[in-house]
Amino acid sequence: MGNLSNWIRGDPCTSRWTGVLCFNETLIDGYLHAQELQLMNLSLSGILVPEIGSLAYMERLNFMWNKIIGSIPKEIGNTKSLVLLLLNGNLLTGSPPDELGFLPNLGRIQIDQDHISGPLPASFANLNNTSNNIQDLFAFLSEIANAAEHPHLSIPETGFVRKRKQQQQLLRSFVFALAGAAMEFAGLTVRHARANKNSS
């Protein structure tokens, strides 16, 4: 088990299992439940098993920078409380499952620096919470710009993507306009300084 050797004994919420964070109080069913898995950079190998979808109250899954192979199990779509899904920096393959797009609370997903291929599901248009996060918006715009250079990924032309492309163009126009205004201001400042020098 390596870095997870203490996972073989006791209860995960009362025995301090590595990387397992639980709610401080029992939930409606009278039990403690895992709220978060922080398993970043632990040299973990193997696959993400379908049973991960049975973690009904899980809010954050962080498997970044390990050696996990295989595809993302569609059963993750059963974790309706999931807010954060970080899988980047592994050896994952295949297409992201369509079920990810139906997670109502998902605020951030990272699957970069894997070997993901194929189309991004059209269901990603449903990720309203993700699209409302300004940091994720810029990340998404970057992904759109980079996707054209990535031969293994394609993005379906949904209204969601069209809106993001329009926002990207708007941002670029704003940046260019801002840069132009700054250059014009700099030019006026230089001309004003020269005029003052010549008059003195």
Protein backbone atom coordinates (compact mmCIF):
# COMPACT_ATOMS: atom_id res chain seq x y z
CA MET A 1 0.00 0.00 0.00
CA GLY A 2 3.03 2.30 0.34
CA ASN A 3 1.89 5.80 1.32
CA LEU A 4 -1.57 4.44 2.16
CA SER A 5 -0.43 1.64 4.47
CA ASN A 6 -2.70 2.84 7.28
CA TRP A 7 -5.80 2.34 5.10
CA ILE A 8 -5.98 -1.32 6.17
CA ARG A 9 -7.20 -0.70 9.70
CA GLY A 10 -9.98 1.08 11.52
CA ASP A 11 -12.52 3.58 10.29
CA PRO A 12 -11.29 6.14 7.72
CA CYS A 13 -12.86 9.00 9.66
CA THR A 14 -11.67 8.04 13.14
CA SER A 15 -8.34 6.35 12.39
CA ARG A 16 -6.71 9.24 10.54
CA TRP A 17 -6.27 7.57 7.19
CA THR A 18 -3.73 9.36 5.03
CA GLY A 19 -5.36 11.96 2.82
CA VAL A 20 -8.90 11.35 4.07
CA LEU A 21 -10.75 14.33 5.52
CA CYS A 22 -14.20 13.80 6.99
CA PHE A 23 -17.08 15.97 8.11
CA ASN A 24 -16.72 17.03 11.74
CA GLU A 25 -20.21 15.82 12.62
CA THR A 26 -22.38 12.86 11.71
CA LEU A 27 -24.75 13.45 8.83
CA ILE A 28 -28.46 12.73 8.58
CA ASP A 29 -27.87 8.96 8.52
CA GLY A 30 -26.01 9.11 11.84
CA TYR A 31 -22.57 8.29 10.38
CA LEU A 32 -19.39 10.20 9.72
CA HIS A 33 -18.61 10.50 6.01
CA ALA A 34 -15.53 11.30 3.96
CA GLN A 35 -15.66 14.84 2.62
CA GLU A 36 -12.33 15.08 0.83
CA LEU A 37 -9.52 12.90 -0.54
CA GLN A 38 -6.19 14.73 -0.63
CA LEU A 39 -3.94 12.25 -2.42
CA MET A 40 -1.72 14.61 -4.37
CA ASN A 41 1.82 13.55 -5.33
CA LEU A 42 1.92 10.25 -3.43
CA SER A 43 3.29 8.10 -6.30
CA LEU A 44 -0.01 6.22 -6.44
CA SER A 45 -0.48 3.80 -9.32
CA GLY A 46 -3.35 1.70 -10.63
CA ILE A 47 -6.80 2.78 -11.80
CA LEU A 48 -9.71 4.78 -10.46
CA VAL A 49 -12.23 2.07 -9.61
CA PRO A 50 -15.96 2.47 -10.34
CA GLU A 51 -16.70 2.17 -6.61
CA ILE A 52 -15.48 5.74 -6.23
CA GLY A 53 -18.98 6.72 -7.29
CA SER A 54 -20.40 5.32 -4.05
CA LEU A 55 -18.83 8.17 -2.04
CA ALA A 56 -22.13 10.01 -1.99
CA TYR A 57 -21.05 12.89 0.25
CA MET A 58 -17.60 13.45 -1.26
CA GLU A 59 -16.95 17.10 -2.13
CA ARG A 60 -13.29 17.14 -3.22
CA LEU A 61 -11.19 14.56 -5.04
CA ASN A 62 -7.53 15.46 -5.48
CA PHE A 63 -5.39 12.84 -7.25
CA MET A 64 -2.94 15.25 -8.89
CA TRP A 65 0.59 14.21 -9.83
CA ASN A 66 0.42 10.45 -9.41
CA LYS A 67 0.75 7.55 -11.85
CA ILE A 68 -2.90 6.62 -12.25
CA ILE A 69 -3.76 4.89 -15.53
CA GLY A 70 -6.95 3.92 -17.33
CA SER A 71 -9.98 6.07 -17.98
CA ILE A 72 -12.03 8.32 -15.73
CA PRO A 73 -14.86 6.11 -14.44
CA LYS A 74 -18.31 7.30 -15.37
CA GLU A 75 -19.45 6.39 -11.86
CA ILE A 76 -17.87 9.63 -10.60
CA GLY A 77 -21.07 11.13 -11.96
CA ASN A 78 -22.87 9.60 -8.96
CA THR A 79 -21.02 11.84 -6.50
CA LYS A 80 -23.54 14.66 -6.75
CA SER A 81 -21.91 16.63 -3.93
CA LEU A 82 -18.61 16.88 -5.80
CA VAL A 83 -17.27 20.44 -5.99
CA LEU A 84 -13.62 19.87 -6.96
CA LEU A 85 -12.14 17.19 -9.24
CA LEU A 86 -8.37 17.35 -9.75
CA LEU A 87 -6.92 14.56 -11.90
CA ASN A 88 -4.16 16.37 -13.76
CA GLY A 89 -0.59 15.09 -13.94
CA ASN A 90 -1.45 11.39 -14.25
CA LEU A 91 -1.49 8.84 -17.09
CA LEU A 92 -5.23 8.81 -17.68
CA THR A 93 -6.48 7.98 -21.17
CA GLY A 94 -9.74 7.99 -23.10
CA SER A 95 -12.45 10.63 -23.24
CA PRO A 96 -13.91 12.36 -20.19
CA PRO A 97 -17.20 10.63 -19.35
CA ASP A 98 -20.41 12.39 -20.26
CA GLU A 99 -21.60 11.98 -16.66
CA LEU A 100 -19.19 14.66 -15.44
CA GLY A 101 -21.34 17.27 -17.13
CA PHE A 102 -24.28 16.43 -14.89
CA LEU A 103 -22.58 17.09 -11.56
CA PRO A 104 -24.69 19.99 -10.25
CA ASN A 105 -22.15 21.40 -7.79
CA LEU A 106 -18.89 20.92 -9.69
CA GLY A 107 -16.94 24.17 -9.52
CA ARG A 108 -13.60 23.09 -10.93
CA ILE A 109 -12.22 20.20 -12.97
CA GLN A 110 -8.60 19.69 -14.03
CA ILE A 111 -7.65 16.91 -16.46
CA ASP A 112 -4.68 18.54 -18.16
CA GLN A 113 -1.24 16.93 -18.39
CA ASP A 114 -2.79 13.48 -18.78
CA HIS A 115 -3.26 11.49 -21.99
CA ILE A 116 -6.94 12.33 -22.39
CA SER A 117 -8.15 12.10 -25.99
CA GLY A 118 -11.35 12.38 -27.97
CA PRO A 119 -14.12 14.98 -27.73
CA LEU A 120 -15.06 16.85 -24.59
CA PRO A 121 -18.66 15.85 -23.80
CA ALA A 122 -21.40 18.21 -24.90
CA SER A 123 -22.79 17.77 -21.37
CA PHE A 124 -20.00 20.06 -20.11
CA ALA A 125 -22.33 22.87 -21.18
CA ASN A 126 -24.32 22.04 -18.03
CA LEU A 127 -21.48 23.00 -15.69
CA ASN A 128 -22.97 26.34 -14.71
CA ASN A 129 -21.11 26.60 -11.42
CA THR A 130 -17.82 26.07 -13.21
CA SER A 131 -18.57 28.70 -15.85
CA ASN A 132 -19.45 31.28 -13.18
CA ASN A 133 -15.98 31.06 -11.63
CA ILE A 134 -13.85 33.81 -13.21
CA GLN A 135 -10.62 31.90 -12.64
CA ASP A 136 -12.04 28.85 -14.39
CA LEU A 137 -13.33 31.07 -17.18
CA PHE A 138 -9.81 32.20 -18.04
CA ALA A 139 -8.60 28.60 -17.75
CA PHE A 140 -11.36 27.48 -20.09
CA LEU A 141 -10.49 30.18 -22.61
CA SER A 142 -6.89 29.02 -22.53
CA GLU A 143 -8.03 25.45 -23.16
CA ILE A 144 -10.03 26.56 -26.18
CA ALA A 145 -7.00 28.37 -27.57
CA ASN A 146 -4.77 25.34 -26.96
CA ALA A 147 -7.23 22.73 -28.23
CA ALA A 148 -6.59 23.73 -31.82
CA GLU A 149 -2.96 22.76 -31.32
CA HIS A 150 -3.80 19.46 -29.58
CA PRO A 151 -4.44 16.72 -32.16
CA HIS A 152 -6.12 14.36 -29.68
CA LEU A 153 -8.83 16.64 -28.32
CA SER A 154 -11.85 18.26 -29.88
CA ILE A 155 -14.51 20.50 -28.39
CA PRO A 156 -18.14 20.14 -29.50
CA GLU A 157 -19.61 23.34 -30.94
CA THR A 158 -22.29 23.82 -28.31
CA GLY A 159 -23.81 27.13 -27.26
CA PHE A 160 -21.56 26.92 -24.19
CA VAL A 161 -18.42 26.78 -26.32
CA ARG A 162 -19.64 29.45 -28.73
CA LYS A 163 -20.27 31.74 -25.78
CA ARG A 164 -16.78 31.08 -24.44
CA LYS A 165 -15.23 31.82 -27.85
CA GLN A 166 -17.15 35.07 -28.01
CA GLN A 167 -15.92 35.97 -24.54
CA GLN A 168 -12.38 35.11 -25.57
CA GLN A 169 -12.64 37.42 -28.59
CA LEU A 170 -14.13 40.13 -26.39
CA LEU A 171 -11.28 39.78 -23.91
CA ARG A 172 -8.71 39.99 -26.69
CA SER A 173 -10.39 43.10 -28.11
CA PHE A 174 -10.43 44.65 -24.66
CA VAL A 175 -6.73 43.90 -24.13
CA PHE A 176 -5.80 45.35 -27.52
CA ALA A 177 -7.91 48.45 -26.87
CA LEU A 178 -6.33 48.87 -23.45
CA ALA A 179 -2.85 48.48 -24.91
CA GLY A 180 -3.67 51.02 -27.63
CA ALA A 181 -4.95 53.50 -25.07
CA ALA A 182 -1.81 53.03 -22.98
CA MET A 183 0.43 53.64 -26.00
CA GLU A 184 -1.57 56.73 -26.95
CA PHE A 185 -1.28 58.04 -23.40
CA ALA A 186 2.46 57.40 -23.45
CA GLY A 187 2.74 59.29 -26.75
CA LEU A 188 0.82 62.26 -25.37
CA THR A 189 3.04 62.31 -22.29
CA VAL A 190 6.20 62.34 -24.40
CA ARG A 191 4.88 65.10 -26.67
CA HIS A 192 3.83 67.16 -23.65
CA ALA A 193 7.27 66.74 -22.07
CA ARG A 194 8.98 67.82 -25.30
CA ALA A 195 6.70 70.86 -25.60
CA ASN A 196 7.54 71.95 -22.06
CA LYS A 197 11.25 71.49 -22.73
CA ASN A 198 11.13 73.57 -25.93
CA SER A 199 9.19 76.38 -24.26
CA SER A 200 11.67 76.62 -21.39
